[in-house]
Amino acid sequence: DPFPKLPDEPEQKMSEALPYLKAPPQLEGWVGNKGFDPLSVTDALPVYLTREAELKHGRVCMLATVGWIATDLGVRFPGEMFQSVSTLQ
């Protein structure tokens, strides 16, 4: 064989969430780890910070959804300026 054989690299675990990507090693040991970090954010930021941000953004989205539904059901703040508010405008 004219080409020298390179030493085998250790097999890296593949992500359960995205089987075509390698699982990020820094997520190992965290609760709920499925290897989902397609943008490799945890390479630059600590995992605890990204999990905290995910929780915060999820809660804000849930509140926004409740506000949207409440507005569609006719819930309004007191005062004349809020009575014509609509999510369809």
C-alpha atoms as a PDB file:
ATOM      1  CA  ASP A   1       0.000   0.000   0.000  1.00  0.00           C
ATOM      2  CA  PRO A   2       1.629   3.305  -1.083  1.00  0.00           C
ATOM      3  CA  PHE A   3      -0.210   5.361   1.546  1.00  0.00           C
ATOM      4  CA  PRO A   4       0.766   4.992   5.190  1.00  0.00           C
ATOM      5  CA  LYS A   5      -2.100   4.122   7.457  1.00  0.00           C
ATOM      6  CA  LEU A   6      -2.939   6.803   9.992  1.00  0.00           C
ATOM      7  CA  PRO A   7      -3.593   5.789  13.575  1.00  0.00           C
ATOM      8  CA  ASP A   8      -7.264   5.285  14.293  1.00  0.00           C
ATOM      9  CA  GLU A   9      -8.930   8.166  16.084  1.00  0.00           C
ATOM     10  CA  PRO A  10     -11.023   7.261  19.093  1.00  0.00           C
ATOM     11  CA  GLU A  11     -14.637   6.805  18.088  1.00  0.00           C
ATOM     12  CA  GLN A  12     -16.663   9.843  19.143  1.00  0.00           C
ATOM     13  CA  LYS A  13     -20.258   9.275  20.209  1.00  0.00           C
ATOM     14  CA  MET A  14     -22.894  10.508  17.767  1.00  0.00           C
ATOM     15  CA  SER A  15     -25.751  12.759  18.865  1.00  0.00           C
ATOM     16  CA  GLU A  16     -29.079  11.070  19.648  1.00  0.00           C
ATOM     17  CA  ALA A  17     -31.009  14.146  18.498  1.00  0.00           C
ATOM     18  CA  LEU A  18     -29.065  14.648  15.266  1.00  0.00           C
ATOM     19  CA  PRO A  19     -27.430  11.318  14.352  1.00  0.00           C
ATOM     20  CA  TYR A  20     -25.338  12.867  11.572  1.00  0.00           C
ATOM     21  CA  LEU A  21     -23.507  15.153  14.061  1.00  0.00           C
ATOM     22  CA  LYS A  22     -21.047  14.256  16.792  1.00  0.00           C
ATOM     23  CA  ALA A  23     -22.314  14.605  20.363  1.00  0.00           C
ATOM     24  CA  PRO A  24     -20.741  17.544  22.203  1.00  0.00           C
ATOM     25  CA  PRO A  25     -18.581  16.129  25.030  1.00  0.00           C
ATOM     26  CA  GLN A  26     -19.302  19.097  27.328  1.00  0.00           C
ATOM     27  CA  LEU A  27     -22.986  18.077  27.530  1.00  0.00           C
ATOM     28  CA  GLU A  28     -22.102  14.680  28.984  1.00  0.00           C
ATOM     29  CA  GLY A  29     -23.619  14.172  32.438  1.00  0.00           C
ATOM     30  CA  TRP A  30     -26.298  16.883  32.181  1.00  0.00           C
ATOM     31  CA  VAL A  31     -29.908  15.837  32.806  1.00  0.00           C
ATOM     32  CA  GLY A  32     -31.862  15.433  29.572  1.00  0.00           C
ATOM     33  CA  ASN A  33     -28.775  15.340  27.367  1.00  0.00           C
ATOM     34  CA  LYS A  34     -29.636  14.131  23.874  1.00  0.00           C
ATOM     35  CA  GLY A  35     -26.603  15.685  22.212  1.00  0.00           C
ATOM     36  CA  PHE A  36     -28.500  18.624  20.696  1.00  0.00           C
ATOM     37  CA  ASP A  37     -26.129  21.520  20.042  1.00  0.00           C
ATOM     38  CA  PRO A  38     -26.088  21.940  16.239  1.00  0.00           C
ATOM     39  CA  LEU A  39     -24.458  25.400  16.369  1.00  0.00           C
ATOM     40  CA  SER A  40     -21.801  24.338  18.918  1.00  0.00           C
ATOM     41  CA  VAL A  41     -22.818  27.147  21.274  1.00  0.00           C
ATOM     42  CA  THR A  42     -21.475  25.220  24.263  1.00  0.00           C
ATOM     43  CA  ASP A  43     -17.983  25.374  22.741  1.00  0.00           C
ATOM     44  CA  ALA A  44     -17.972  29.128  23.464  1.00  0.00           C
ATOM     45  CA  LEU A  45     -20.342  29.445  26.437  1.00  0.00           C
ATOM     46  CA  PRO A  46     -20.681  27.476  29.668  1.00  0.00           C
ATOM     47  CA  VAL A  47     -23.459  24.869  29.605  1.00  0.00           C
ATOM     48  CA  TYR A  48     -25.128  26.225  32.758  1.00  0.00           C
ATOM     49  CA  LEU A  49     -25.466  29.661  31.088  1.00  0.00           C
ATOM     50  CA  THR A  50     -27.051  28.262  27.920  1.00  0.00           C
ATOM     51  CA  ARG A  51     -29.512  26.135  29.930  1.00  0.00           C
ATOM     52  CA  GLU A  52     -30.468  29.148  32.047  1.00  0.00           C
ATOM     53  CA  ALA A  53     -31.031  31.252  28.915  1.00  0.00           C
ATOM     54  CA  GLU A  54     -33.144  28.485  27.356  1.00  0.00           C
ATOM     55  CA  LEU A  55     -35.405  28.358  30.426  1.00  0.00           C
ATOM     56  CA  LYS A  56     -35.759  32.144  30.505  1.00  0.00           C
ATOM     57  CA  HIS A  57     -36.644  32.400  26.812  1.00  0.00           C
ATOM     58  CA  GLY A  58     -39.083  29.512  27.061  1.00  0.00           C
ATOM     59  CA  ARG A  59     -40.926  31.185  29.952  1.00  0.00           C
ATOM     60  CA  VAL A  60     -41.099  34.513  28.099  1.00  0.00           C
ATOM     61  CA  CYS A  61     -42.546  32.709  25.059  1.00  0.00           C
ATOM     62  CA  MET A  62     -45.179  30.992  27.209  1.00  0.00           C
ATOM     63  CA  LEU A  63     -46.240  34.344  28.712  1.00  0.00           C
ATOM     64  CA  ALA A  64     -46.393  35.930  25.259  1.00  0.00           C
ATOM     65  CA  THR A  65     -48.617  33.091  24.029  1.00  0.00           C
ATOM     66  CA  VAL A  66     -50.975  33.507  26.988  1.00  0.00           C
ATOM     67  CA  GLY A  67     -51.126  37.271  26.303  1.00  0.00           C
ATOM     68  CA  TRP A  68     -51.927  36.712  22.641  1.00  0.00           C
ATOM     69  CA  ILE A  69     -54.710  34.232  23.447  1.00  0.00           C
ATOM     70  CA  ALA A  70     -56.120  36.475  26.190  1.00  0.00           C
ATOM     71  CA  THR A  71     -56.257  39.435  23.777  1.00  0.00           C
ATOM     72  CA  ASP A  72     -58.094  37.315  21.196  1.00  0.00           C
ATOM     73  CA  LEU A  73     -60.595  36.265  23.883  1.00  0.00           C
ATOM     74  CA  GLY A  74     -61.352  39.918  24.658  1.00  0.00           C
ATOM     75  CA  VAL A  75     -59.296  40.528  27.805  1.00  0.00           C
ATOM     76  CA  ARG A  76     -58.243  44.199  27.956  1.00  0.00           C
ATOM     77  CA  PHE A  77     -56.486  46.462  30.437  1.00  0.00           C
ATOM     78  CA  PRO A  78     -58.709  49.145  31.925  1.00  0.00           C
ATOM     79  CA  GLY A  79     -58.612  52.444  30.087  1.00  0.00           C
ATOM     80  CA  GLU A  80     -59.873  53.798  26.788  1.00  0.00           C
ATOM     81  CA  MET A  81     -56.571  53.417  24.941  1.00  0.00           C
ATOM     82  CA  PHE A  82     -56.498  49.635  25.448  1.00  0.00           C
ATOM     83  CA  GLN A  83     -60.050  48.869  24.344  1.00  0.00           C
ATOM     84  CA  SER A  84     -59.333  48.840  20.601  1.00  0.00           C
ATOM     85  CA  VAL A  85     -56.271  46.566  20.826  1.00  0.00           C
ATOM     86  CA  SER A  86     -56.367  43.563  18.503  1.00  0.00           C
ATOM     87  CA  THR A  87     -53.868  40.893  17.484  1.00  0.00           C
ATOM     88  CA  LEU A  88     -55.191  41.040  13.914  1.00  0.00           C
ATOM     89  CA  GLN A  89     -54.169  44.654  13.164  1.00  0.00           C
END
